[in-house]
């Protein structure tokens, strides 16, 4: 207190600076929150176009979105939507590239396994089967308990068949039946085991 009395003007200047900084910070936070809310709203518009099959309008809406809202909390989801748009317009290589970026750096981290699974599908659809196989294995190594793991096992087994490796496909289908006895794909796995000449597990 004695220092404050002796340096009253300096104290008021410091206090004023602190108050000013708090006000500015509050304004920035509020503005950022408003911007984030608007970003999500506008992203919903882009998604609506895509769900309706209006790919041209979806592309324009996403271009506008990135010009206004890049860096907001919705950015990873916007990039995912952009990749979905590329996939839906048969640009599988472009989609795989964007999904791959999100699988590495997407935020929040929950986006990454979704992007990795989508990248695997894009690579398979584009005919890059070896790349798709590597991605499927990476998914199962990284996210063995993820809700998409079952579908990735089926993809992995299908890829083994497509690349002429029936013994590996059999092993994967067999493992799938053990791990997911109640899955919607279990009957498919059993049918493929029979088709490949292996007795399916009960």
C-alpha atoms as a PDB file:
ATOM      1  CA  UNK A   1       0.000   0.000   0.000  1.00  0.00           C
ATOM      2  CA  UNK A   2       2.854   2.381   0.771  1.00  0.00           C
ATOM      3  CA  UNK A   3       4.289   1.824  -2.706  1.00  0.00           C
ATOM      4  CA  UNK A   4       0.869   2.552  -4.204  1.00  0.00           C
ATOM      5  CA  UNK A   5       0.553   5.821  -2.276  1.00  0.00           C
ATOM      6  CA  UNK A   6       4.008   6.856  -3.412  1.00  0.00           C
ATOM      7  CA  UNK A   7       3.345   5.918  -7.004  1.00  0.00           C
ATOM      8  CA  UNK A   8      -0.357   6.722  -7.257  1.00  0.00           C
ATOM      9  CA  UNK A   9      -0.349   7.738 -10.917  1.00  0.00           C
ATOM     10  CA  UNK A  10       1.696   4.729 -11.941  1.00  0.00           C
ATOM     11  CA  UNK A  11      -0.630   2.469  -9.946  1.00  0.00           C
ATOM     12  CA  UNK A  12      -3.690   3.879 -11.691  1.00  0.00           C
ATOM     13  CA  UNK A  13      -1.979   3.425 -15.042  1.00  0.00           C
ATOM     14  CA  UNK A  14      -1.217  -0.212 -14.243  1.00  0.00           C
ATOM     15  CA  UNK A  15      -4.758  -0.814 -12.980  1.00  0.00           C
ATOM     16  CA  UNK A  16      -6.195   0.859 -16.056  1.00  0.00           C
ATOM     17  CA  UNK A  17      -4.044  -1.277 -18.325  1.00  0.00           C
ATOM     18  CA  UNK A  18      -5.141  -4.462 -16.556  1.00  0.00           C
ATOM     19  CA  UNK A  19      -8.824  -3.509 -16.728  1.00  0.00           C
ATOM     20  CA  UNK A  20      -8.449  -2.584 -20.372  1.00  0.00           C
ATOM     21  CA  UNK A  21      -6.782  -5.900 -21.131  1.00  0.00           C
ATOM     22  CA  UNK A  22      -9.587  -7.799 -19.371  1.00  0.00           C
ATOM     23  CA  UNK A  23     -12.243  -5.886 -21.315  1.00  0.00           C
ATOM     24  CA  UNK A  24     -10.479  -6.524 -24.619  1.00  0.00           C
ATOM     25  CA  UNK A  25     -10.006 -10.208 -23.775  1.00  0.00           C
ATOM     26  CA  UNK A  26     -13.691 -10.554 -22.876  1.00  0.00           C
ATOM     27  CA  UNK A  27     -14.656  -8.895 -26.136  1.00  0.00           C
ATOM     28  CA  UNK A  28     -12.365 -11.173 -28.137  1.00  0.00           C
ATOM     29  CA  UNK A  29     -13.722 -14.289 -26.400  1.00  0.00           C
ATOM     30  CA  UNK A  30     -17.324 -13.215 -26.960  1.00  0.00           C
ATOM     31  CA  UNK A  31     -16.661 -12.355 -30.584  1.00  0.00           C
ATOM     32  CA  UNK A  32     -14.850 -15.655 -31.094  1.00  0.00           C
ATOM     33  CA  UNK A  33     -17.786 -17.568 -29.624  1.00  0.00           C
ATOM     34  CA  UNK A  34     -20.216 -15.713 -31.873  1.00  0.00           C
ATOM     35  CA  UNK A  35     -18.005 -16.464 -34.870  1.00  0.00           C
ATOM     36  CA  UNK A  36     -17.815 -20.149 -33.931  1.00  0.00           C
ATOM     37  CA  UNK A  37     -21.596 -20.355 -33.613  1.00  0.00           C
ATOM     38  CA  UNK A  38     -22.067 -18.739 -37.017  1.00  0.00           C
ATOM     39  CA  UNK A  39     -19.442 -21.074 -38.505  1.00  0.00           C
ATOM     40  CA  UNK A  40     -21.389 -24.134 -37.359  1.00  0.00           C
ATOM     41  CA  UNK A  41     -24.645 -22.694 -38.659  1.00  0.00           C
ATOM     42  CA  UNK A  42     -23.200 -21.980 -42.092  1.00  0.00           C
ATOM     43  CA  UNK A  43     -21.512 -25.377 -42.211  1.00  0.00           C
ATOM     44  CA  UNK A  44     -24.943 -26.915 -41.725  1.00  0.00           C
ATOM     45  CA  UNK A  45     -26.073 -25.125 -44.884  1.00  0.00           C
ATOM     46  CA  UNK A  46     -23.215 -26.702 -46.850  1.00  0.00           C
ATOM     47  CA  UNK A  47     -24.014 -30.115 -45.433  1.00  0.00           C
ATOM     48  CA  UNK A  48     -27.662 -29.692 -46.365  1.00  0.00           C
ATOM     49  CA  UNK A  49     -26.730 -29.074 -49.991  1.00  0.00           C
ATOM     50  CA  UNK A  50     -24.490 -32.141 -49.995  1.00  0.00           C
ATOM     51  CA  UNK A  51     -27.161 -34.381 -48.466  1.00  0.00           C
ATOM     52  CA  UNK A  52     -29.585 -33.234 -51.158  1.00  0.00           C
ATOM     53  CA  UNK A  53     -27.090 -34.122 -53.867  1.00  0.00           C
ATOM     54  CA  UNK A  54     -26.560 -30.480 -54.852  1.00  0.00           C
ATOM     55  CA  UNK A  55     -22.805 -30.855 -55.129  1.00  0.00           C
ATOM     56  CA  UNK A  56     -22.289 -27.628 -57.064  1.00  0.00           C
ATOM     57  CA  UNK A  57     -24.074 -25.559 -54.435  1.00  0.00           C
ATOM     58  CA  UNK A  58     -22.284 -27.462 -51.674  1.00  0.00           C
ATOM     59  CA  UNK A  59     -18.934 -26.613 -53.238  1.00  0.00           C
ATOM     60  CA  UNK A  60     -19.799 -22.918 -53.519  1.00  0.00           C
ATOM     61  CA  UNK A  61     -21.061 -22.840 -49.934  1.00  0.00           C
ATOM     62  CA  UNK A  62     -17.854 -24.464 -48.698  1.00  0.00           C
ATOM     63  CA  UNK A  63     -15.704 -22.013 -50.657  1.00  0.00           C
ATOM     64  CA  UNK A  64     -17.570 -19.159 -48.987  1.00  0.00           C
ATOM     65  CA  UNK A  65     -17.299 -20.874 -45.609  1.00  0.00           C
ATOM     66  CA  UNK A  66     -13.516 -21.189 -45.804  1.00  0.00           C
ATOM     67  CA  UNK A  67     -13.195 -17.544 -46.830  1.00  0.00           C
ATOM     68  CA  UNK A  68     -14.988 -16.489 -43.636  1.00  0.00           C
ATOM     69  CA  UNK A  69     -14.539 -19.114 -40.941  1.00  0.00           C
ATOM     70  CA  UNK A  70     -11.161 -20.772 -41.393  1.00  0.00           C
ATOM     71  CA  UNK A  71      -9.553 -21.267 -37.989  1.00  0.00           C
ATOM     72  CA  UNK A  72     -12.818 -21.688 -36.076  1.00  0.00           C
ATOM     73  CA  UNK A  73     -13.750 -24.752 -34.045  1.00  0.00           C
ATOM     74  CA  UNK A  74     -15.665 -26.171 -37.016  1.00  0.00           C
ATOM     75  CA  UNK A  75     -12.717 -26.176 -39.427  1.00  0.00           C
ATOM     76  CA  UNK A  76     -11.889 -29.892 -39.200  1.00  0.00           C
ATOM     77  CA  UNK A  77     -15.517 -30.755 -39.846  1.00  0.00           C
ATOM     78  CA  UNK A  78     -15.599 -28.402 -42.819  1.00  0.00           C
ATOM     79  CA  UNK A  79     -12.501 -30.090 -44.228  1.00  0.00           C
ATOM     80  CA  UNK A  80     -14.180 -33.462 -43.665  1.00  0.00           C
ATOM     81  CA  UNK A  81     -17.224 -32.215 -45.543  1.00  0.00           C
ATOM     82  CA  UNK A  82     -14.975 -31.020 -48.366  1.00  0.00           C
ATOM     83  CA  UNK A  83     -13.463 -34.512 -48.559  1.00  0.00           C
ATOM     84  CA  UNK A  84     -16.966 -36.031 -48.592  1.00  0.00           C
ATOM     85  CA  UNK A  85     -17.840 -33.712 -51.473  1.00  0.00           C
ATOM     86  CA  UNK A  86     -14.786 -34.855 -53.432  1.00  0.00           C
ATOM     87  CA  UNK A  87     -15.663 -38.485 -52.727  1.00  0.00           C
ATOM     88  CA  UNK A  88     -19.243 -37.903 -53.834  1.00  0.00           C
ATOM     89  CA  UNK A  89     -18.044 -36.402 -57.113  1.00  0.00           C
ATOM     90  CA  UNK A  90     -15.682 -39.374 -57.721  1.00  0.00           C
ATOM     91  CA  UNK A  91     -12.475 -37.475 -56.981  1.00  0.00           C
ATOM     92  CA  UNK A  92     -11.315 -40.339 -54.803  1.00  0.00           C
ATOM     93  CA  UNK A  93      -7.645 -39.360 -54.867  1.00  0.00           C
ATOM     94  CA  UNK A  94      -8.450 -35.838 -53.683  1.00  0.00           C
ATOM     95  CA  UNK A  95     -10.791 -37.178 -51.024  1.00  0.00           C
ATOM     96  CA  UNK A  96      -8.164 -39.643 -49.785  1.00  0.00           C
ATOM     97  CA  UNK A  97      -5.614 -36.834 -49.505  1.00  0.00           C
ATOM     98  CA  UNK A  98      -7.919 -34.642 -47.397  1.00  0.00           C
ATOM     99  CA  UNK A  99      -9.059 -37.555 -45.246  1.00  0.00           C
ATOM    100  CA  UNK A 100      -5.408 -38.448 -44.722  1.00  0.00           C
ATOM    101  CA  UNK A 101      -4.577 -34.948 -43.502  1.00  0.00           C
ATOM    102  CA  UNK A 102      -7.476 -35.080 -41.056  1.00  0.00           C
ATOM    103  CA  UNK A 103      -6.429 -38.539 -39.868  1.00  0.00           C
ATOM    104  CA  UNK A 104      -3.114 -36.991 -38.842  1.00  0.00           C
ATOM    105  CA  UNK A 105      -4.043 -33.555 -37.515  1.00  0.00           C
ATOM    106  CA  UNK A 106      -7.841 -33.306 -37.213  1.00  0.00           C
ATOM    107  CA  UNK A 107      -9.228 -31.583 -34.131  1.00  0.00           C
ATOM    108  CA  UNK A 108     -10.754 -32.731 -31.893  1.00  0.00           C
ATOM    109  CA  UNK A 109      -8.850 -36.044 -31.981  1.00  0.00           C
ATOM    110  CA  UNK A 110     -12.150 -37.953 -32.263  1.00  0.00           C
ATOM    111  CA  UNK A 111     -12.188 -36.862 -35.913  1.00  0.00           C
ATOM    112  CA  UNK A 112      -9.012 -38.791 -36.716  1.00  0.00           C
ATOM    113  CA  UNK A 113     -10.296 -42.399 -36.679  1.00  0.00           C
ATOM    114  CA  UNK A 114     -13.332 -41.337 -38.717  1.00  0.00           C
ATOM    115  CA  UNK A 115     -11.048 -39.728 -41.273  1.00  0.00           C
ATOM    116  CA  UNK A 116      -8.742 -42.741 -41.350  1.00  0.00           C
ATOM    117  CA  UNK A 117     -11.670 -45.079 -42.044  1.00  0.00           C
ATOM    118  CA  UNK A 118     -12.896 -42.751 -44.790  1.00  0.00           C
ATOM    119  CA  UNK A 119      -9.394 -42.578 -46.291  1.00  0.00           C
ATOM    120  CA  UNK A 120      -9.300 -46.372 -46.395  1.00  0.00           C
ATOM    121  CA  UNK A 121     -12.626 -46.441 -48.262  1.00  0.00           C
ATOM    122  CA  UNK A 122     -11.484 -43.766 -50.714  1.00  0.00           C
ATOM    123  CA  UNK A 123      -8.265 -45.608 -51.503  1.00  0.00           C
ATOM    124  CA  UNK A 124     -10.143 -48.867 -52.052  1.00  0.00           C
ATOM    125  CA  UNK A 125     -12.707 -47.202 -54.299  1.00  0.00           C
ATOM    126  CA  UNK A 126      -9.944 -45.614 -56.359  1.00  0.00           C
ATOM    127  CA  UNK A 127      -8.364 -49.042 -56.867  1.00  0.00           C
ATOM    128  CA  UNK A 128      -5.336 -48.428 -54.648  1.00  0.00           C
ATOM    129  CA  UNK A 129      -5.808 -51.691 -52.801  1.00  0.00           C
ATOM    130  CA  UNK A 130      -2.359 -51.966 -51.236  1.00  0.00           C
ATOM    131  CA  UNK A 131      -2.725 -48.483 -49.759  1.00  0.00           C
ATOM    132  CA  UNK A 132      -6.200 -49.347 -48.487  1.00  0.00           C
ATOM    133  CA  UNK A 133      -4.875 -52.521 -46.850  1.00  0.00           C
ATOM    134  CA  UNK A 134      -2.148 -50.586 -45.065  1.00  0.00           C
ATOM    135  CA  UNK A 135      -4.678 -48.032 -43.818  1.00  0.00           C
ATOM    136  CA  UNK A 136      -7.052 -50.737 -42.591  1.00  0.00           C
ATOM    137  CA  UNK A 137      -4.252 -52.337 -40.599  1.00  0.00           C
ATOM    138  CA  UNK A 138      -3.205 -48.963 -39.233  1.00  0.00           C
ATOM    139  CA  UNK A 139      -6.769 -48.317 -38.099  1.00  0.00           C
ATOM    140  CA  UNK A 140      -7.015 -51.649 -36.281  1.00  0.00           C
ATOM    141  CA  UNK A 141      -3.610 -51.136 -34.672  1.00  0.00           C
ATOM    142  CA  UNK A 142      -4.464 -47.605 -33.541  1.00  0.00           C
ATOM    143  CA  UNK A 143      -8.174 -47.902 -32.705  1.00  0.00           C
ATOM    144  CA  UNK A 144      -8.970 -51.569 -31.936  1.00  0.00           C
ATOM    145  CA  UNK A 145     -11.939 -50.659 -29.725  1.00  0.00           C
ATOM    146  CA  UNK A 146     -13.458 -48.016 -31.984  1.00  0.00           C
ATOM    147  CA  UNK A 147     -17.054 -48.521 -33.091  1.00  0.00           C
ATOM    148  CA  UNK A 148     -15.858 -48.629 -36.723  1.00  0.00           C
ATOM    149  CA  UNK A 149     -13.363 -51.427 -36.065  1.00  0.00           C
ATOM    150  CA  UNK A 150     -15.864 -54.131 -37.070  1.00  0.00           C
ATOM    151  CA  UNK A 151     -16.482 -52.581 -40.480  1.00  0.00           C
ATOM    152  CA  UNK A 152     -12.736 -52.150 -40.972  1.00  0.00           C
ATOM    153  CA  UNK A 153     -12.210 -55.877 -40.332  1.00  0.00           C
ATOM    154  CA  UNK A 154     -14.741 -56.629 -43.062  1.00  0.00           C
ATOM    155  CA  UNK A 155     -12.980 -54.179 -45.392  1.00  0.00           C
ATOM    156  CA  UNK A 156      -9.646 -55.781 -44.581  1.00  0.00           C
ATOM    157  CA  UNK A 157     -10.967 -59.263 -45.362  1.00  0.00           C
ATOM    158  CA  UNK A 158     -12.564 -58.061 -48.605  1.00  0.00           C
ATOM    159  CA  UNK A 159      -9.290 -56.424 -49.621  1.00  0.00           C
ATOM    160  CA  UNK A 160      -7.457 -59.680 -48.952  1.00  0.00           C
ATOM    161  CA  UNK A 161      -9.857 -61.450 -51.309  1.00  0.00           C
ATOM    162  CA  UNK A 162      -9.516 -58.748 -53.956  1.00  0.00           C
ATOM    163  CA  UNK A 163      -5.732 -59.004 -53.869  1.00  0.00           C
ATOM    164  CA  UNK A 164      -5.767 -62.793 -54.230  1.00  0.00           C
ATOM    165  CA  UNK A 165      -4.963 -63.740 -50.642  1.00  0.00           C
ATOM    166  CA  UNK A 166      -7.779 -66.123 -49.627  1.00  0.00           C
ATOM    167  CA  UNK A 167      -5.899 -67.597 -46.671  1.00  0.00           C
ATOM    168  CA  UNK A 168      -5.514 -64.162 -45.087  1.00  0.00           C
ATOM    169  CA  UNK A 169      -9.139 -63.335 -45.877  1.00  0.00           C
ATOM    170  CA  UNK A 170     -10.208 -66.563 -44.180  1.00  0.00           C
ATOM    171  CA  UNK A 171      -8.182 -65.732 -41.076  1.00  0.00           C
ATOM    172  CA  UNK A 172      -9.707 -62.251 -40.871  1.00  0.00           C
ATOM    173  CA  UNK A 173     -13.287 -63.454 -41.361  1.00  0.00           C
ATOM    174  CA  UNK A 174     -12.693 -66.158 -38.765  1.00  0.00           C
ATOM    175  CA  UNK A 175     -11.377 -63.601 -36.281  1.00  0.00           C
ATOM    176  CA  UNK A 176     -14.319 -61.328 -37.023  1.00  0.00           C
ATOM    177  CA  UNK A 177     -16.855 -64.049 -36.155  1.00  0.00           C
ATOM    178  CA  UNK A 178     -15.111 -64.597 -32.826  1.00  0.00           C
ATOM    179  CA  UNK A 179     -14.837 -60.898 -31.973  1.00  0.00           C
ATOM    180  CA  UNK A 180     -18.266 -59.803 -33.222  1.00  0.00           C
ATOM    181  CA  UNK A 181     -20.722 -62.718 -32.931  1.00  0.00           C
ATOM    182  CA  UNK A 182     -23.734 -60.367 -32.878  1.00  0.00           C
ATOM    183  CA  UNK A 183     -22.637 -57.952 -35.601  1.00  0.00           C
ATOM    184  CA  UNK A 184     -24.857 -57.246 -38.631  1.00  0.00           C
ATOM    185  CA  UNK A 185     -21.883 -58.455 -40.723  1.00  0.00           C
ATOM    186  CA  UNK A 186     -21.425 -61.781 -38.909  1.00  0.00           C
ATOM    187  CA  UNK A 187     -23.634 -63.714 -41.326  1.00  0.00           C
ATOM    188  CA  UNK A 188     -21.688 -62.216 -44.221  1.00  0.00           C
ATOM    189  CA  UNK A 189     -18.411 -63.290 -42.625  1.00  0.00           C
ATOM    190  CA  UNK A 190     -19.717 -66.840 -42.143  1.00  0.00           C
ATOM    191  CA  UNK A 191     -20.948 -66.950 -45.737  1.00  0.00           C
ATOM    192  CA  UNK A 192     -17.562 -65.809 -47.023  1.00  0.00           C
ATOM    193  CA  UNK A 193     -15.828 -68.437 -44.884  1.00  0.00           C
ATOM    194  CA  UNK A 194     -17.968 -71.133 -46.488  1.00  0.00           C
ATOM    195  CA  UNK A 195     -17.328 -69.695 -49.949  1.00  0.00           C
ATOM    196  CA  UNK A 196     -13.599 -69.794 -49.260  1.00  0.00           C
ATOM    197  CA  UNK A 197     -13.838 -73.431 -48.197  1.00  0.00           C
ATOM    198  CA  UNK A 198     -13.382 -72.922 -44.465  1.00  0.00           C
ATOM    199  CA  UNK A 199     -15.818 -74.155 -41.817  1.00  0.00           C
ATOM    200  CA  UNK A 200     -17.480 -71.149 -40.196  1.00  0.00           C
ATOM    201  CA  UNK A 201     -17.433 -70.912 -36.440  1.00  0.00           C
ATOM    202  CA  UNK A 202     -20.766 -71.118 -34.671  1.00  0.00           C
END
